[in-house]
C-alpha atoms as a PDB file:
ATOM      1  CA  MET A   1     -15.117   0.668  10.694  1.00  0.00           C
ATOM      2  CA  SER A   2     -14.963  -2.109   8.045  1.00  0.00           C
ATOM      3  CA  ILE A   3     -13.397  -0.925   4.821  1.00  0.00           C
ATOM      4  CA  SER A   4     -14.937  -2.593   1.644  1.00  0.00           C
ATOM      5  CA  LYS A   5     -12.906  -5.131  -0.275  1.00  0.00           C
ATOM      6  CA  ASP A   6     -13.050  -3.146  -3.456  1.00  0.00           C
ATOM      7  CA  LEU A   7     -11.486   0.057  -1.499  1.00  0.00           C
ATOM      8  CA  VAL A   8      -8.847  -2.177  -0.052  1.00  0.00           C
ATOM      9  CA  ALA A   9      -7.981  -3.645  -3.548  1.00  0.00           C
ATOM     10  CA  ALA A  10      -7.969  -0.350  -5.207  1.00  0.00           C
ATOM     11  CA  SER A  11      -5.726   1.220  -2.586  1.00  0.00           C
ATOM     12  CA  ALA A  12      -3.257  -1.670  -1.958  1.00  0.00           C
ATOM     13  CA  THR A  13      -0.648  -0.674  -4.818  1.00  0.00           C
ATOM     14  CA  PRO A  14      -0.314   3.011  -3.998  1.00  0.00           C
ATOM     15  CA  MET A  15      -0.063   2.100  -0.109  1.00  0.00           C
ATOM     16  CA  ILE A  16       2.507  -0.561  -0.570  1.00  0.00           C
ATOM     17  CA  LEU A  17       4.662   1.611  -3.151  1.00  0.00           C
ATOM     18  CA  ALA A  18       4.256   4.690  -0.741  1.00  0.00           C
ATOM     19  CA  ILE A  19       5.546   2.361   2.370  1.00  0.00           C
ATOM     20  CA  LEU A  20       8.439   1.231   0.337  1.00  0.00           C
ATOM     21  CA  ALA A  21       9.155   4.612  -1.034  1.00  0.00           C
ATOM     22  CA  GLU A  22       9.899   5.384   2.796  1.00  0.00           C
ATOM     23  CA  GLY A  23      12.433   2.592   2.697  1.00  0.00           C
ATOM     24  CA  GLU A  24      13.047  -1.254   2.389  1.00  0.00           C
ATOM     25  CA  SER A  25      10.342  -3.405   4.223  1.00  0.00           C
ATOM     26  CA  TYR A  26       9.157  -6.947   4.613  1.00  0.00           C
ATOM     27  CA  GLY A  27       5.621  -8.242   4.493  1.00  0.00           C
ATOM     28  CA  TYR A  28       4.746  -8.240   8.330  1.00  0.00           C
ATOM     29  CA  ALA A  29       6.187  -4.680   8.603  1.00  0.00           C
ATOM     30  CA  ILE A  30       4.176  -3.500   5.785  1.00  0.00           C
ATOM     31  CA  THR A  31       0.921  -4.796   7.314  1.00  0.00           C
ATOM     32  CA  ARG A  32       2.104  -3.325  10.499  1.00  0.00           C
ATOM     33  CA  ARG A  33       2.575   0.271   9.066  1.00  0.00           C
ATOM     34  CA  VAL A  34      -0.935   0.092   7.316  1.00  0.00           C
ATOM     35  CA  ARG A  35      -2.407  -0.814  10.529  1.00  0.00           C
ATOM     36  CA  GLU A  36      -0.373   2.120  12.257  1.00  0.00           C
ATOM     37  CA  LEU A  37      -1.263   4.687   9.625  1.00  0.00           C
ATOM     38  CA  SER A  38      -5.058   3.730   9.687  1.00  0.00           C
ATOM     39  CA  GLY A  39      -5.333   3.866  13.483  1.00  0.00           C
ATOM     40  CA  GLY A  40      -6.080   0.175  13.507  1.00  0.00           C
ATOM     41  CA  GLN A  41      -8.815   0.350  11.236  1.00  0.00           C
ATOM     42  CA  MET A  42      -7.216  -1.418   8.289  1.00  0.00           C
ATOM     43  CA  GLU A  43      -6.200  -5.061   8.923  1.00  0.00           C
ATOM     44  CA  TRP A  44      -4.353  -6.500   5.710  1.00  0.00           C
ATOM     45  CA  THR A  45      -4.060 -10.354   5.656  1.00  0.00           C
ATOM     46  CA  ASP A  46      -1.315 -12.248   4.128  1.00  0.00           C
ATOM     47  CA  GLY A  47      -3.684 -13.530   1.501  1.00  0.00           C
ATOM     48  CA  MET A  48      -4.336  -9.859   0.486  1.00  0.00           C
ATOM     49  CA  LEU A  49      -0.754  -8.468   0.703  1.00  0.00           C
ATOM     50  CA  TYR A  50       1.580 -11.203  -0.941  1.00  0.00           C
ATOM     51  CA  PRO A  51      -0.450 -11.506  -4.229  1.00  0.00           C
ATOM     52  CA  VAL A  52      -0.062  -7.907  -4.685  1.00  0.00           C
ATOM     53  CA  LEU A  53       3.695  -7.751  -3.760  1.00  0.00           C
ATOM     54  CA  HIS A  54       4.129 -10.567  -6.310  1.00  0.00           C
ATOM     55  CA  ARG A  55       2.253  -8.681  -8.938  1.00  0.00           C
ATOM     56  CA  LEU A  56       4.163  -5.756  -8.398  1.00  0.00           C
ATOM     57  CA  GLU A  57       7.627  -7.567  -8.454  1.00  0.00           C
ATOM     58  CA  ARG A  58       6.310  -9.258 -11.763  1.00  0.00           C
ATOM     59  CA  GLN A  59       5.617  -5.674 -13.175  1.00  0.00           C
ATOM     60  CA  GLY A  60       9.303  -4.484 -12.162  1.00  0.00           C
ATOM     61  CA  LEU A  61       7.860  -1.886  -9.752  1.00  0.00           C
ATOM     62  CA  ILE A  62       9.566  -3.449  -6.749  1.00  0.00           C
ATOM     63  CA  LYS A  63      12.271  -6.027  -6.134  1.00  0.00           C
ATOM     64  CA  SER A  64      12.796  -8.384  -3.196  1.00  0.00           C
ATOM     65  CA  VAL A  65      16.023 -10.241  -1.814  1.00  0.00           C
ATOM     66  CA  GLU A  66      15.970 -12.846   0.830  1.00  0.00           C
ATOM     67  CA  ARG A  67      18.219 -12.153   3.735  1.00  0.00           C
ATOM     68  CA  ILE A  68      18.658 -13.052   7.429  1.00  0.00           C
ATOM     69  CA  SER A  69      16.904 -10.609   9.817  1.00  0.00           C
ATOM     70  CA  GLU A  70      18.418  -9.318  13.076  1.00  0.00           C
ATOM     71  CA  THR A  71      16.453 -11.998  14.780  1.00  0.00           C
ATOM     72  CA  GLY A  72      18.229 -14.639  12.678  1.00  0.00           C
ATOM     73  CA  ARG A  73      15.099 -15.569  10.726  1.00  0.00           C
ATOM     74  CA  LYS A  74      15.098 -15.713   6.842  1.00  0.00           C
ATOM     75  CA  ARG A  75      12.970 -12.807   5.503  1.00  0.00           C
ATOM     76  CA  ARG A  76      12.096 -11.443   2.191  1.00  0.00           C
ATOM     77  CA  TYR A  77      12.853  -7.652   2.053  1.00  0.00           C
ATOM     78  CA  TYR A  78      11.125  -5.514  -0.651  1.00  0.00           C
ATOM     79  CA  HIS A  79      12.233  -2.198  -2.121  1.00  0.00           C
ATOM     80  CA  ILE A  80      10.894   0.101  -4.621  1.00  0.00           C
ATOM     81  CA  GLN A  81      12.563   0.414  -8.109  1.00  0.00           C
ATOM     82  CA  SER A  82      12.598   3.582 -10.285  1.00  0.00           C
ATOM     83  CA  ARG A  83       9.737   2.224 -12.362  1.00  0.00           C
ATOM     84  CA  GLY A  84       7.894   1.828  -8.999  1.00  0.00           C
ATOM     85  CA  LYS A  85       8.588   5.529  -8.035  1.00  0.00           C
ATOM     86  CA  THR A  86       7.222   6.491 -11.573  1.00  0.00           C
ATOM     87  CA  ALA A  87       4.285   4.514 -10.932  1.00  0.00           C
ATOM     88  CA  LEU A  88       3.684   5.824  -7.400  1.00  0.00           C
ATOM     89  CA  ASP A  89       3.818   9.435  -8.799  1.00  0.00           C
ATOM     90  CA  LYS A  90       1.214   8.583 -11.264  1.00  0.00           C
ATOM     91  CA  GLN A  91      -1.085   6.851  -8.691  1.00  0.00           C
ATOM     92  CA  GLN A  92      -0.613   9.722  -6.223  1.00  0.00           C
ATOM     93  CA  SER A  93      -1.957  12.285  -9.025  1.00  0.00           C
ATOM     94  CA  GLN A  94      -4.869   9.906  -9.773  1.00  0.00           C
ATOM     95  CA  TRP A  95      -5.747   9.519  -6.063  1.00  0.00           C
ATOM     96  CA  MET A  96      -5.436  13.230  -5.226  1.00  0.00           C
ATOM     97  CA  LEU A  97      -7.865  14.032  -8.133  1.00  0.00           C
ATOM     98  CA  VAL A  98     -10.370  11.252  -6.886  1.00  0.00           C
ATOM     99  CA  HIS A  99     -10.088  12.726  -3.298  1.00  0.00           C
ATOM    100  CA  SER A 100     -10.805  16.407  -4.737  1.00  0.00           C
ATOM    101  CA  VAL A 101     -13.808  15.420  -6.464  1.00  0.00           C
ATOM    102  CA  LEU A 102     -15.176  13.408  -3.527  1.00  0.00           C
ATOM    103  CA  ASN A 103     -14.614  16.162  -1.147  1.00  0.00           C
ATOM    104  CA  GLN A 104     -16.287  18.645  -3.457  1.00  0.00           C
ATOM    105  CA  LEU A 105     -19.418  16.341  -3.594  1.00  0.00           C
ATOM    106  CA  TRP A 106     -19.354  15.515   0.078  1.00  0.00           C
ATOM    107  CA  GLU A 107     -19.048  19.215   1.157  1.00  0.00           C
ATOM    108  CA  SER A 108     -21.768  20.228  -1.144  1.00  0.00           C
ATOM    109  CA  LYS A 109     -24.155  17.423   0.317  1.00  0.00           C
ATOM    110  CA  PRO A 110     -23.345  16.362   4.009  1.00  0.00           C
ATOM    111  CA  CYS A 111     -23.556  12.676   4.731  1.00  0.00           C
ATOM    112  CA  LEU A 112     -27.064  11.525   5.647  1.00  0.00           C
ATOM    113  CA  THR A 113     -26.002   9.273   8.648  1.00  0.00           C
END
């Protein structure tokens, strides 16, 4: 199944913040986690991920540091800031409301596929 660009864009911030709330991570690991959680149905590209990471960092929601990984490669690691945790809580409440409304609508009228 292909996820619309609008839905991917809308869900990117809460997904990234939630992944970083699990612990520090780097770009490829974030995309791999999204793929894993979606059962392979969501494939993020670098062109989608990094602009969001940069925006979240400018907003003070996450912070990054460049370090050498276990493999000896230079990597930029991202971690969530306290402002990011607050933003994640707010986003989670908003998404739960949207989810609830959609569930109610779809339960009352089954999909016509």
